[in-house]
Amino acid sequence: MVYSVKKSLDSMKVAQCPKCGSKRLMLQAGKLTCTNCSELIGKTNEGRSNKYGAKKTEFNGKRFDSRFEASVAMELETMKRAGEIKDYDTQYRVEMPIHRQDGLLGFIVKHKVDFRRHNNDGSFTLIEAKGVETDDYKWRRRCLEELWLPFHRDHDYQVIKQHRR
């Protein structure tokens, strides 16, 4: 049985579970399920979409959050094959400890940088592929630049911004 899911209250009142007859249904992540018996009733074609319109893209067996990020990976792969760089990592994890005024550890800021490029001279470049700079990203970038980079002199930081048409 296929249900078409509408967002009006009237359609939610008439939908019911074919297994137990309950009208208590939940629409989450594109799936309509019964909250009484957990029966999967149907799926919508939309699924979840990105807030900023990014589409997940696969390149070289890896899945990237956007087409722009995948294009940066293609560029890095081309540089690697040409011998301009040694290698690159995706989703490089950076942890920055934030201390309180009394010197004790307050909390740790965790950030995943899109790429870490291994340069031929032994240094590293952290690369962010950004379409939209959110407030959260700006805060994490500031923490990275002021707390992490001064202690890791062999790393530098580069942001590649997507130019919108």
Protein backbone atom coordinates (compact mmCIF):
# COMPACT_ATOMS: atom_id res chain seq x y z
CA MET A 1 0.00 0.00 0.00
CA VAL A 2 1.45 3.41 -0.99
CA TYR A 3 0.62 6.58 0.89
CA SER A 4 1.14 10.04 -0.48
CA VAL A 5 2.30 12.24 2.34
CA LYS A 6 0.91 15.76 2.51
CA LYS A 7 1.76 18.32 5.13
CA SER A 8 -1.82 19.36 5.88
CA LEU A 9 -3.49 18.33 9.12
CA ASP A 10 -6.51 16.93 7.25
CA SER A 11 -4.45 14.27 5.47
CA MET A 12 -2.71 13.29 8.71
CA LYS A 13 -6.11 12.67 10.34
CA VAL A 14 -7.17 10.10 7.74
CA ALA A 15 -3.87 8.18 7.41
CA GLN A 16 -3.60 5.05 9.51
CA CYS A 17 -1.33 2.04 9.92
CA PRO A 18 -2.42 -0.96 7.80
CA LYS A 19 -1.02 -3.39 10.40
CA CYS A 20 -2.54 -2.15 13.68
CA GLY A 21 -4.97 0.57 12.53
CA SER A 22 -3.34 3.26 14.66
CA LYS A 23 -3.51 6.88 13.51
CA ARG A 24 -0.34 7.82 15.40
CA LEU A 25 2.18 8.16 12.58
CA MET A 26 5.57 9.84 12.38
CA LEU A 27 7.25 11.37 9.31
CA GLN A 28 11.01 11.54 9.78
CA ALA A 29 13.89 11.51 7.26
CA GLY A 30 11.49 10.74 4.42
CA LYS A 31 9.96 7.68 6.12
CA LEU A 32 6.40 7.35 7.40
CA THR A 33 6.24 4.95 10.36
CA CYS A 34 3.63 3.94 12.91
CA THR A 35 4.57 5.06 16.44
CA ASN A 36 2.43 2.29 17.92
CA CYS A 37 3.91 -0.81 16.22
CA SER A 38 6.96 0.70 14.39
CA GLU A 39 5.68 -0.52 11.01
CA LEU A 40 7.26 1.21 8.01
CA ILE A 41 4.30 2.48 6.01
CA GLY A 42 5.96 4.35 3.17
CA LYS A 43 8.82 6.49 1.96
CA THR A 44 8.83 9.85 0.26
CA ASN A 45 11.11 10.47 -2.69
CA GLU A 46 12.54 13.68 -1.30
CA GLY A 47 14.49 12.32 1.68
CA ARG A 48 16.54 14.93 3.44
CA SER A 49 17.90 17.90 1.59
CA ASN A 50 20.72 20.24 2.47
CA LYS A 51 19.84 23.61 3.92
CA TYR A 52 22.18 25.42 1.52
CA GLY A 53 21.39 23.34 -1.58
CA ALA A 54 24.56 21.22 -1.56
CA LYS A 55 24.30 17.81 -3.21
CA LYS A 56 26.39 14.90 -1.96
CA THR A 57 28.80 13.77 -4.67
CA GLU A 58 31.01 10.73 -5.02
CA PHE A 59 34.54 10.91 -6.44
CA ASN A 60 37.27 8.26 -6.41
CA GLY A 61 35.21 6.00 -4.13
CA LYS A 62 34.69 8.68 -1.47
CA ARG A 63 31.51 10.60 -0.75
CA PHE A 64 31.76 14.39 -0.36
CA ASP A 65 29.26 16.81 1.17
CA SER A 66 28.98 18.95 -1.99
CA ARG A 67 29.88 19.05 -5.65
CA PHE A 68 32.25 21.92 -4.92
CA GLU A 69 34.11 19.89 -2.29
CA ALA A 70 34.36 16.98 -4.76
CA SER A 71 35.81 19.35 -7.37
CA VAL A 72 38.50 20.43 -4.91
CA ALA A 73 39.26 16.74 -4.32
CA MET A 74 39.57 16.25 -8.10
CA GLU A 75 42.03 19.13 -8.25
CA LEU A 76 44.09 17.67 -5.39
CA GLU A 77 44.08 14.25 -7.08
CA THR A 78 45.33 15.84 -10.31
CA MET A 79 48.11 17.63 -8.39
CA LYS A 80 49.07 14.35 -6.72
CA ARG A 81 49.29 12.47 -10.03
CA ALA A 82 51.36 15.30 -11.56
CA GLY A 83 53.81 15.11 -8.64
CA GLU A 84 53.08 18.64 -7.41
CA ILE A 85 52.10 17.29 -3.95
CA LYS A 86 52.83 14.05 -2.08
CA ASP A 87 49.31 13.18 -0.96
CA TYR A 88 46.17 14.51 0.73
CA ASP A 89 43.81 13.46 3.52
CA THR A 90 40.06 14.06 3.64
CA GLN A 91 38.13 15.11 6.75
CA TYR A 92 41.24 15.81 8.85
CA ARG A 93 40.29 16.08 12.54
CA VAL A 94 41.64 18.96 14.61
CA GLU A 95 41.10 19.22 18.38
CA MET A 96 41.71 22.49 20.22
CA PRO A 97 41.64 22.59 24.03
CA ILE A 98 40.05 25.69 25.59
CA HIS A 99 41.25 26.45 29.12
CA ARG A 100 39.47 28.37 31.85
CA GLN A 101 41.00 31.40 33.58
CA ASP A 102 42.27 29.20 36.42
CA GLY A 103 44.24 27.08 33.92
CA LEU A 104 42.05 23.98 34.01
CA LEU A 105 40.66 22.48 30.84
CA GLY A 106 37.24 23.95 30.06
CA PHE A 107 36.31 22.05 26.92
CA ILE A 108 37.70 20.82 23.61
CA VAL A 109 36.67 22.31 20.26
CA LYS A 110 36.59 19.64 17.55
CA HIS A 111 36.70 20.55 13.88
CA LYS A 112 37.00 18.53 10.69
CA VAL A 113 38.94 20.34 8.00
CA ASP A 114 37.90 19.22 4.51
CA PHE A 115 41.44 18.37 3.31
CA ARG A 116 45.03 18.22 4.55
CA ARG A 117 47.50 18.49 1.69
CA HIS A 118 50.96 16.91 2.10
CA ASN A 119 53.36 19.27 0.31
CA ASN A 120 56.61 18.04 -1.25
CA ASP A 121 58.74 20.08 1.19
CA GLY A 122 57.30 18.20 4.20
CA SER A 123 54.84 20.91 5.26
CA PHE A 124 51.06 20.61 5.31
CA THR A 125 48.22 22.82 4.15
CA LEU A 126 44.75 22.61 5.71
CA ILE A 127 42.15 23.33 3.03
CA GLU A 128 38.50 24.24 3.53
CA ALA A 129 36.11 24.20 0.56
CA LYS A 130 33.38 26.70 1.50
CA GLY A 131 30.22 27.69 -0.27
CA VAL A 132 28.59 29.40 2.72
CA GLU A 133 30.44 30.66 5.79
CA THR A 134 28.18 30.06 8.77
CA ASP A 135 28.66 31.66 12.19
CA ASP A 136 29.69 28.28 13.62
CA TYR A 137 32.36 27.88 10.94
CA LYS A 138 33.67 31.42 11.54
CA TRP A 139 34.05 30.65 15.25
CA ARG A 140 35.84 27.33 14.60
CA ARG A 141 38.10 29.00 12.02
CA ARG A 142 39.07 31.66 14.56
CA CYS A 143 39.84 28.95 17.15
CA LEU A 144 41.93 27.10 14.56
CA GLU A 145 43.88 30.21 13.56
CA GLU A 146 44.48 31.48 17.10
CA LEU A 147 44.80 28.26 19.14
CA TRP A 148 45.92 25.38 16.90
CA LEU A 149 48.06 26.86 14.10
CA PRO A 150 50.57 28.68 16.39
CA PHE A 151 51.52 25.29 17.92
CA HIS A 152 51.70 23.52 14.54
CA ARG A 153 54.15 25.65 12.56
CA ASP A 154 54.45 23.03 9.79
CA HIS A 155 50.77 23.65 8.84
CA ASP A 156 49.20 26.58 7.06
CA TYR A 157 45.54 27.24 6.34
CA GLN A 158 43.73 27.97 3.09
CA VAL A 159 40.04 28.59 2.40
CA ILE A 160 38.75 28.05 -1.13
CA LYS A 161 35.47 29.89 -1.58
CA GLN A 162 32.88 28.91 -4.12
CA HIS A 163 31.94 31.75 -6.43
CA ARG A 164 28.19 31.82 -6.98
CA ARG A 165 26.73 32.86 -10.33
